[in-house]
Amino acid sequence: MPRIDSKRLPSRLKRSCTDVLNPSLVYGYECVMLLVWCSFCHWLLSLCFQMADIVTEQWIQIQRLEQALHITQNQRLLLVSRIQRNMVPVTI
């Protein structure tokens, strides 16, 4: 999945916001509101990227835990089969 460089977002957002509107129609209040909206969009996008990174890290941790569980289950089955064949003395 392509990623957007978050360091370039503010200037890209401001440029895209000002390019959309005709500068002769934009007055002071509209400019301020537009910049506030662009800042909010930038904040929201960076929050989304942070959440995506957190979810990705958690997914990696889940995969590692599943792998460890699988290995442990295999070791347990091997040990049980050895015990059943009396290859390993049982001490309790």
N, C-alpha and C. Protein backbone atom coordinates (compact mmCIF):
# COMPACT_ATOMS: atom_id res chain seq x y z
N MET A 1 0.85 -1.18 0.00
CA MET A 1 0.00 0.00 0.00
C MET A 1 0.89 1.24 0.00
N PRO A 2 0.67 2.19 -0.91
CA PRO A 2 1.50 3.40 -0.94
C PRO A 2 1.28 4.25 0.31
N ARG A 3 2.35 4.82 0.79
CA ARG A 3 2.28 5.66 1.99
C ARG A 3 2.51 7.12 1.59
N ILE A 4 1.90 8.02 2.32
CA ILE A 4 2.09 9.45 2.10
C ILE A 4 3.09 9.95 3.14
N ASP A 5 4.08 10.66 2.70
CA ASP A 5 5.08 11.20 3.61
C ASP A 5 4.42 12.28 4.47
N SER A 6 4.30 12.00 5.76
CA SER A 6 3.57 12.93 6.64
C SER A 6 4.27 14.27 6.79
N LYS A 7 5.58 14.33 6.53
CA LYS A 7 6.31 15.60 6.65
C LYS A 7 5.92 16.55 5.53
N ARG A 8 5.46 16.00 4.42
CA ARG A 8 5.10 16.83 3.28
C ARG A 8 3.63 17.20 3.28
N LEU A 9 2.85 16.63 4.18
CA LEU A 9 1.41 16.88 4.17
C LEU A 9 1.01 18.34 4.37
N PRO A 10 1.57 19.05 5.34
CA PRO A 10 1.08 20.42 5.55
C PRO A 10 1.19 21.29 4.30
N SER A 11 2.35 21.29 3.66
CA SER A 11 2.52 22.14 2.48
C SER A 11 1.65 21.64 1.32
N ARG A 12 1.52 20.30 1.19
CA ARG A 12 0.68 19.76 0.13
C ARG A 12 -0.78 20.12 0.37
N LEU A 13 -1.21 20.05 1.63
CA LEU A 13 -2.61 20.39 1.93
C LEU A 13 -2.86 21.87 1.68
N LYS A 14 -1.97 22.72 2.16
CA LYS A 14 -2.17 24.16 1.96
C LYS A 14 -2.18 24.50 0.48
N ARG A 15 -1.26 23.90 -0.28
CA ARG A 15 -1.20 24.17 -1.71
C ARG A 15 -2.48 23.69 -2.40
N SER A 16 -2.93 22.49 -2.03
CA SER A 16 -4.15 21.98 -2.68
C SER A 16 -5.36 22.80 -2.28
N CYS A 17 -5.40 23.26 -1.02
CA CYS A 17 -6.54 24.08 -0.58
C CYS A 17 -6.57 25.40 -1.32
N THR A 18 -5.45 26.04 -1.49
CA THR A 18 -5.43 27.35 -2.16
C THR A 18 -5.60 27.20 -3.66
N ASP A 19 -5.19 26.07 -4.24
CA ASP A 19 -5.36 25.86 -5.68
C ASP A 19 -6.81 25.61 -6.05
N VAL A 20 -7.58 25.06 -5.13
CA VAL A 20 -8.97 24.72 -5.43
C VAL A 20 -9.79 25.98 -5.67
N LEU A 21 -9.54 27.00 -4.87
CA LEU A 21 -10.36 28.21 -4.95
C LEU A 21 -9.68 29.28 -5.79
N ASN A 22 -10.48 30.07 -6.38
CA ASN A 22 -9.97 31.20 -7.14
C ASN A 22 -9.52 32.27 -6.13
N PRO A 23 -8.24 32.65 -6.15
CA PRO A 23 -7.75 33.60 -5.14
C PRO A 23 -8.51 34.93 -5.12
N SER A 24 -9.07 35.34 -6.25
CA SER A 24 -9.79 36.62 -6.26
C SER A 24 -11.12 36.53 -5.51
N LEU A 25 -11.66 35.31 -5.32
CA LEU A 25 -12.93 35.14 -4.62
C LEU A 25 -12.75 34.86 -3.13
N VAL A 26 -11.52 34.62 -2.72
CA VAL A 26 -11.27 34.25 -1.33
C VAL A 26 -10.94 35.50 -0.53
N TYR A 27 -11.69 35.72 0.54
CA TYR A 27 -11.47 36.87 1.41
C TYR A 27 -10.82 36.38 2.71
N GLY A 28 -10.51 37.31 3.59
CA GLY A 28 -9.79 36.98 4.81
C GLY A 28 -10.41 35.88 5.64
N TYR A 29 -11.72 36.00 5.93
CA TYR A 29 -12.38 35.01 6.78
C TYR A 29 -12.34 33.63 6.13
N GLU A 30 -12.61 33.59 4.83
CA GLU A 30 -12.61 32.31 4.12
C GLU A 30 -11.22 31.69 4.11
N CYS A 31 -10.19 32.52 3.98
CA CYS A 31 -8.82 32.01 4.01
C CYS A 31 -8.51 31.39 5.36
N VAL A 32 -8.90 32.10 6.42
CA VAL A 32 -8.64 31.58 7.76
C VAL A 32 -9.38 30.26 7.97
N MET A 33 -10.65 30.21 7.57
CA MET A 33 -11.43 28.98 7.74
C MET A 33 -10.84 27.84 6.91
N LEU A 34 -10.37 28.17 5.73
CA LEU A 34 -9.76 27.16 4.88
C LEU A 34 -8.49 26.61 5.51
N LEU A 35 -7.66 27.49 6.05
CA LEU A 35 -6.44 27.03 6.72
C LEU A 35 -6.76 26.21 7.97
N VAL A 36 -7.79 26.60 8.71
CA VAL A 36 -8.21 25.81 9.88
C VAL A 36 -8.66 24.43 9.43
N TRP A 37 -9.43 24.38 8.35
CA TRP A 37 -9.90 23.10 7.84
C TRP A 37 -8.73 22.23 7.38
N CYS A 38 -7.77 22.83 6.69
CA CYS A 38 -6.60 22.09 6.24
C CYS A 38 -5.78 21.58 7.42
N SER A 39 -5.65 22.38 8.45
CA SER A 39 -4.93 21.95 9.65
C SER A 39 -5.64 20.79 10.31
N PHE A 40 -6.97 20.86 10.37
CA PHE A 40 -7.74 19.77 10.94
C PHE A 40 -7.56 18.50 10.12
N CYS A 41 -7.60 18.63 8.79
CA CYS A 41 -7.41 17.46 7.92
C CYS A 41 -6.03 16.85 8.13
N HIS A 42 -5.01 17.70 8.26
CA HIS A 42 -3.66 17.21 8.51
C HIS A 42 -3.60 16.47 9.84
N TRP A 43 -4.20 17.03 10.87
CA TRP A 43 -4.22 16.38 12.19
C TRP A 43 -4.92 15.03 12.11
N LEU A 44 -6.04 15.00 11.41
CA LEU A 44 -6.82 13.76 11.29
C LEU A 44 -6.04 12.70 10.52
N LEU A 45 -5.38 13.10 9.44
CA LEU A 45 -4.58 12.16 8.67
C LEU A 45 -3.42 11.61 9.49
N SER A 46 -2.75 12.47 10.24
CA SER A 46 -1.63 11.98 11.04
C SER A 46 -2.12 11.04 12.14
N LEU A 47 -3.31 11.31 12.69
CA LEU A 47 -3.90 10.42 13.68
C LEU A 47 -4.21 9.06 13.05
N CYS A 48 -4.73 9.08 11.83
CA CYS A 48 -5.02 7.82 11.12
C CYS A 48 -3.75 7.03 10.87
N PHE A 49 -2.67 7.72 10.48
CA PHE A 49 -1.41 7.03 10.25
C PHE A 49 -0.87 6.43 11.54
N GLN A 50 -1.00 7.15 12.65
CA GLN A 50 -0.56 6.62 13.94
C GLN A 50 -1.35 5.38 14.31
N MET A 51 -2.66 5.44 14.11
CA MET A 51 -3.50 4.28 14.44
C MET A 51 -3.15 3.10 13.54
N ALA A 52 -2.88 3.35 12.28
CA ALA A 52 -2.51 2.27 11.36
C ALA A 52 -1.20 1.62 11.80
N ASP A 53 -0.25 2.43 12.25
CA ASP A 53 1.02 1.88 12.74
C ASP A 53 0.81 1.03 13.99
N ILE A 54 -0.07 1.48 14.88
CA ILE A 54 -0.36 0.72 16.10
C ILE A 54 -1.02 -0.61 15.74
N VAL A 55 -1.99 -0.57 14.84
CA VAL A 55 -2.67 -1.80 14.44
C VAL A 55 -1.69 -2.77 13.78
N THR A 56 -0.82 -2.25 12.94
CA THR A 56 0.18 -3.10 12.29
C THR A 56 1.08 -3.76 13.33
N GLU A 57 1.56 -3.00 14.31
CA GLU A 57 2.42 -3.55 15.35
C GLU A 57 1.68 -4.61 16.17
N GLN A 58 0.42 -4.36 16.48
CA GLN A 58 -0.36 -5.34 17.24
C GLN A 58 -0.57 -6.61 16.42
N TRP A 59 -0.79 -6.47 15.13
CA TRP A 59 -0.97 -7.63 14.26
C TRP A 59 0.30 -8.47 14.23
N ILE A 60 1.44 -7.83 14.18
CA ILE A 60 2.72 -8.55 14.21
C ILE A 60 2.86 -9.30 15.53
N GLN A 61 2.50 -8.67 16.64
CA GLN A 61 2.58 -9.33 17.95
C GLN A 61 1.63 -10.52 18.02
N ILE A 62 0.44 -10.39 17.46
CA ILE A 62 -0.52 -11.51 17.45
C ILE A 62 0.05 -12.67 16.64
N GLN A 63 0.66 -12.38 15.51
CA GLN A 63 1.24 -13.45 14.69
C GLN A 63 2.36 -14.16 15.45
N ARG A 64 3.19 -13.41 16.17
CA ARG A 64 4.26 -14.03 16.96
C ARG A 64 3.70 -14.90 18.07
N LEU A 65 2.63 -14.43 18.74
CA LEU A 65 2.01 -15.22 19.79
C LEU A 65 1.39 -16.50 19.22
N GLU A 66 0.75 -16.42 18.06
CA GLU A 66 0.19 -17.61 17.43
C GLU A 66 1.28 -18.61 17.07
N GLN A 67 2.41 -18.11 16.60
CA GLN A 67 3.53 -18.98 16.25
C GLN A 67 4.08 -19.66 17.51
N ALA A 68 4.22 -18.90 18.59
CA ALA A 68 4.71 -19.48 19.84
C ALA A 68 3.73 -20.53 20.38
N LEU A 69 2.43 -20.26 20.27
CA LEU A 69 1.43 -21.22 20.71
C LEU A 69 1.51 -22.51 19.90
N HIS A 70 1.67 -22.37 18.59
CA HIS A 70 1.78 -23.53 17.71
C HIS A 70 3.01 -24.38 18.07
N ILE A 71 4.13 -23.72 18.30
CA ILE A 71 5.35 -24.45 18.68
C ILE A 71 5.16 -25.16 20.01
N THR A 72 4.55 -24.47 20.98
CA THR A 72 4.30 -25.07 22.30
C THR A 72 3.37 -26.26 22.19
N GLN A 73 2.32 -26.16 21.39
CA GLN A 73 1.40 -27.28 21.21
C GLN A 73 2.11 -28.47 20.58
N ASN A 74 2.95 -28.22 19.60
CA ASN A 74 3.70 -29.31 18.97
C ASN A 74 4.64 -29.98 19.96
N GLN A 75 5.33 -29.18 20.77
CA GLN A 75 6.22 -29.75 21.78
C GLN A 75 5.45 -30.57 22.80
N ARG A 76 4.27 -30.09 23.19
CA ARG A 76 3.44 -30.82 24.14
C ARG A 76 3.00 -32.15 23.55
N LEU A 77 2.55 -32.15 22.30
CA LEU A 77 2.13 -33.40 21.66
C LEU A 77 3.29 -34.38 21.54
N LEU A 78 4.46 -33.90 21.23
CA LEU A 78 5.63 -34.76 21.15
C LEU A 78 5.96 -35.35 22.51
N LEU A 79 5.91 -34.54 23.54
CA LEU A 79 6.19 -35.02 24.89
C LEU A 79 5.15 -36.05 25.32
N VAL A 80 3.87 -35.81 25.05
CA VAL A 80 2.81 -36.76 25.41
C VAL A 80 3.02 -38.08 24.69
N SER A 81 3.38 -38.04 23.42
CA SER A 81 3.60 -39.28 22.68
C SER A 81 4.80 -40.04 23.23
N ARG A 82 5.84 -39.34 23.65
CA ARG A 82 7.00 -40.01 24.25
C ARG A 82 6.65 -40.63 25.60
N ILE A 83 5.84 -39.92 26.37
CA ILE A 83 5.42 -40.45 27.67
C ILE A 83 4.57 -41.70 27.46
N GLN A 84 3.68 -41.67 26.49
CA GLN A 84 2.82 -42.82 26.22
C GLN A 84 3.62 -44.03 25.76
N ARG A 85 4.73 -43.82 25.12
CA ARG A 85 5.59 -44.92 24.69
C ARG A 85 6.61 -45.28 25.75
N ASN A 86 6.50 -44.68 26.93
CA ASN A 86 7.41 -44.92 28.05
C ASN A 86 8.86 -44.60 27.72
N MET A 87 9.07 -43.67 26.83
CA MET A 87 10.44 -43.27 26.50
C MET A 87 10.96 -42.26 27.50
N VAL A 88 10.07 -41.56 28.12
CA VAL A 88 10.46 -40.56 29.10
C VAL A 88 9.79 -40.94 30.40
N PRO A 89 10.58 -41.17 31.47
CA PRO A 89 9.95 -41.51 32.76
C PRO A 89 9.14 -40.32 33.28
N VAL A 90 7.98 -40.62 33.84
CA VAL A 90 7.12 -39.59 34.38
C VAL A 90 7.45 -39.43 35.84
N THR A 91 7.83 -38.18 36.21
CA THR A 91 8.09 -37.87 37.62
C THR A 91 7.20 -36.73 38.02
N ILE A 92 6.45 -36.95 39.05
CA ILE A 92 5.54 -35.91 39.52
C ILE A 92 5.89 -35.50 40.93
